[in-house]
Amino acid sequence: MPDFDVIVQKVDSRWIRELRVFALQYEEERHQVRSSWIPASVDDETWFELYLTATSVEQDIALI
């Protein structure tokens, strides 16, 4: 993929860093929202399954 390598070399590293920070902040916010949908009383295994379901539902909604 030589074309990709050329593009990567021309991209400003500050922009990449800012984009990475934005993506991490966004994912942290989404994690907080998904976690808020799950009751605190469930055990760890059930919590994880519900979290995966919440993630799947959120992705399905985004596709609509």
N, C-alpha and C. Protein backbone atom coordinates (compact mmCIF):
# COMPACT_ATOMS: atom_id res chain seq x y z
N MET A 1 0.83 -1.19 0.00
CA MET A 1 0.00 0.00 0.00
C MET A 1 0.88 1.26 0.00
N PRO A 2 1.63 1.46 -1.05
CA PRO A 2 2.51 2.63 -1.10
C PRO A 2 1.75 3.95 -1.07
N ASP A 3 0.56 4.00 -1.67
CA ASP A 3 -0.21 5.24 -1.66
C ASP A 3 -0.59 5.63 -0.24
N PHE A 4 -0.98 4.64 0.56
CA PHE A 4 -1.35 4.91 1.95
C PHE A 4 -0.15 5.44 2.72
N ASP A 5 1.02 4.86 2.50
CA ASP A 5 2.23 5.32 3.18
C ASP A 5 2.54 6.77 2.86
N VAL A 6 2.35 7.15 1.61
CA VAL A 6 2.59 8.54 1.20
C VAL A 6 1.62 9.48 1.91
N ILE A 7 0.37 9.08 1.98
CA ILE A 7 -0.64 9.91 2.66
C ILE A 7 -0.30 10.06 4.14
N VAL A 8 0.07 8.96 4.78
CA VAL A 8 0.39 8.99 6.20
C VAL A 8 1.57 9.92 6.47
N GLN A 9 2.54 9.93 5.62
CA GLN A 9 3.71 10.78 5.81
C GLN A 9 3.36 12.26 5.70
N LYS A 10 2.33 12.57 4.93
CA LYS A 10 1.95 13.97 4.72
C LYS A 10 0.97 14.50 5.75
N VAL A 11 0.39 13.62 6.56
CA VAL A 11 -0.59 14.04 7.55
C VAL A 11 0.14 14.65 8.75
N ASP A 12 -0.37 15.76 9.22
CA ASP A 12 0.21 16.45 10.38
C ASP A 12 -0.01 15.61 11.64
N SER A 13 1.06 15.31 12.34
CA SER A 13 0.97 14.46 13.53
C SER A 13 0.12 15.10 14.63
N ARG A 14 0.08 16.43 14.68
CA ARG A 14 -0.77 17.11 15.68
C ARG A 14 -2.24 16.81 15.41
N TRP A 15 -2.63 16.78 14.15
CA TRP A 15 -4.01 16.48 13.79
C TRP A 15 -4.35 15.05 14.20
N ILE A 16 -3.43 14.13 13.97
CA ILE A 16 -3.66 12.74 14.36
C ILE A 16 -3.84 12.64 15.87
N ARG A 17 -2.99 13.32 16.62
CA ARG A 17 -3.08 13.30 18.08
C ARG A 17 -4.42 13.87 18.55
N GLU A 18 -4.83 15.00 17.98
CA GLU A 18 -6.11 15.61 18.35
C GLU A 18 -7.28 14.69 18.02
N LEU A 19 -7.21 14.05 16.88
CA LEU A 19 -8.27 13.12 16.48
C LEU A 19 -8.33 11.93 17.42
N ARG A 20 -7.19 11.42 17.82
CA ARG A 20 -7.13 10.29 18.75
C ARG A 20 -7.72 10.69 20.11
N VAL A 21 -7.39 11.88 20.60
CA VAL A 21 -7.94 12.36 21.88
C VAL A 21 -9.45 12.51 21.77
N PHE A 22 -9.92 13.07 20.66
CA PHE A 22 -11.36 13.22 20.45
C PHE A 22 -12.05 11.86 20.47
N ALA A 23 -11.48 10.89 19.76
CA ALA A 23 -12.07 9.55 19.69
C ALA A 23 -12.11 8.90 21.07
N LEU A 24 -11.06 9.05 21.85
CA LEU A 24 -11.03 8.46 23.19
C LEU A 24 -12.06 9.11 24.11
N GLN A 25 -12.19 10.44 24.02
CA GLN A 25 -13.20 11.14 24.82
C GLN A 25 -14.60 10.71 24.42
N TYR A 26 -14.83 10.59 23.12
CA TYR A 26 -16.14 10.17 22.63
C TYR A 26 -16.47 8.77 23.14
N GLU A 27 -15.51 7.86 23.05
CA GLU A 27 -15.76 6.49 23.50
C GLU A 27 -16.00 6.44 25.00
N GLU A 28 -15.31 7.28 25.77
CA GLU A 28 -15.54 7.34 27.22
C GLU A 28 -16.96 7.82 27.51
N GLU A 29 -17.43 8.82 26.77
CA GLU A 29 -18.80 9.30 26.94
C GLU A 29 -19.81 8.21 26.59
N ARG A 30 -19.57 7.50 25.48
CA ARG A 30 -20.48 6.42 25.09
C ARG A 30 -20.49 5.32 26.15
N HIS A 31 -19.32 5.02 26.72
CA HIS A 31 -19.22 4.01 27.78
C HIS A 31 -20.08 4.42 28.98
N GLN A 32 -20.00 5.69 29.36
CA GLN A 32 -20.80 6.16 30.49
C GLN A 32 -22.29 6.04 30.21
N VAL A 33 -22.69 6.36 28.99
CA VAL A 33 -24.11 6.25 28.63
C VAL A 33 -24.55 4.79 28.66
N ARG A 34 -23.77 3.92 28.02
CA ARG A 34 -24.14 2.50 28.01
C ARG A 34 -24.20 1.94 29.42
N SER A 35 -23.23 2.30 30.24
CA SER A 35 -23.19 1.80 31.63
C SER A 35 -24.40 2.27 32.41
N SER A 36 -24.88 3.45 32.11
CA SER A 36 -26.03 3.98 32.85
C SER A 36 -27.31 3.21 32.54
N TRP A 37 -27.34 2.49 31.44
CA TRP A 37 -28.52 1.70 31.07
C TRP A 37 -28.61 0.40 31.86
N ILE A 38 -27.52 0.01 32.52
CA ILE A 38 -27.45 -1.31 33.16
C ILE A 38 -27.58 -1.15 34.67
N PRO A 39 -28.49 -1.89 35.29
CA PRO A 39 -28.64 -1.80 36.75
C PRO A 39 -27.35 -2.22 37.46
N ALA A 40 -27.03 -1.55 38.54
CA ALA A 40 -25.81 -1.84 39.29
C ALA A 40 -25.90 -3.18 40.03
N SER A 41 -27.08 -3.72 40.16
CA SER A 41 -27.28 -4.93 40.95
C SER A 41 -26.92 -6.22 40.22
N VAL A 42 -26.63 -6.16 38.93
CA VAL A 42 -26.35 -7.39 38.18
C VAL A 42 -24.92 -7.85 38.41
N ASP A 43 -24.70 -9.17 38.27
CA ASP A 43 -23.35 -9.70 38.45
C ASP A 43 -22.47 -9.33 37.25
N ASP A 44 -21.17 -9.56 37.36
CA ASP A 44 -20.22 -9.13 36.33
C ASP A 44 -20.49 -9.74 34.96
N GLU A 45 -20.79 -11.03 34.93
CA GLU A 45 -21.02 -11.69 33.64
C GLU A 45 -22.27 -11.14 32.97
N THR A 46 -23.33 -10.97 33.73
CA THR A 46 -24.57 -10.41 33.18
C THR A 46 -24.35 -8.96 32.75
N TRP A 47 -23.59 -8.21 33.56
CA TRP A 47 -23.31 -6.82 33.22
C TRP A 47 -22.61 -6.75 31.87
N PHE A 48 -21.61 -7.60 31.67
CA PHE A 48 -20.86 -7.60 30.41
C PHE A 48 -21.77 -7.95 29.23
N GLU A 49 -22.63 -8.94 29.40
CA GLU A 49 -23.56 -9.32 28.33
C GLU A 49 -24.52 -8.17 28.02
N LEU A 50 -25.03 -7.52 29.06
CA LEU A 50 -25.92 -6.37 28.84
C LEU A 50 -25.18 -5.22 28.18
N TYR A 51 -23.93 -5.02 28.54
CA TYR A 51 -23.12 -3.96 27.94
C TYR A 51 -22.93 -4.22 26.45
N LEU A 52 -22.62 -5.46 26.10
CA LEU A 52 -22.47 -5.81 24.68
C LEU A 52 -23.78 -5.61 23.93
N THR A 53 -24.89 -5.96 24.56
CA THR A 53 -26.20 -5.75 23.95
C THR A 53 -26.46 -4.26 23.75
N ALA A 54 -26.15 -3.46 24.76
CA ALA A 54 -26.34 -2.01 24.66
C ALA A 54 -25.49 -1.44 23.53
N THR A 55 -24.27 -1.92 23.40
CA THR A 55 -23.39 -1.47 22.31
C THR A 55 -23.99 -1.85 20.96
N SER A 56 -24.49 -3.05 20.85
CA SER A 56 -25.09 -3.51 19.60
C SER A 56 -26.33 -2.69 19.25
N VAL A 57 -27.17 -2.44 20.23
CA VAL A 57 -28.38 -1.64 20.00
C VAL A 57 -28.00 -0.23 19.57
N GLU A 58 -27.01 0.34 20.24
CA GLU A 58 -26.57 1.69 19.89
C GLU A 58 -26.06 1.74 18.45
N GLN A 59 -25.33 0.72 18.03
CA GLN A 59 -24.83 0.67 16.65
C GLN A 59 -25.98 0.50 15.66
N ASP A 60 -26.96 -0.32 16.01
CA ASP A 60 -28.12 -0.50 15.14
C ASP A 60 -28.89 0.80 14.96
N ILE A 61 -29.05 1.53 16.05
CA ILE A 61 -29.75 2.82 15.98
C ILE A 61 -28.98 3.79 15.09
N ALA A 62 -27.66 3.77 15.20
CA ALA A 62 -26.84 4.67 14.39
C ALA A 62 -26.97 4.37 12.90
N LEU A 63 -27.27 3.12 12.56
CA LEU A 63 -27.41 2.75 11.15
C LEU A 63 -28.74 3.18 10.55
N ILE A 64 -29.70 3.44 11.41
CA ILE A 64 -31.04 3.80 10.91
C ILE A 64 -31.07 5.21 10.37
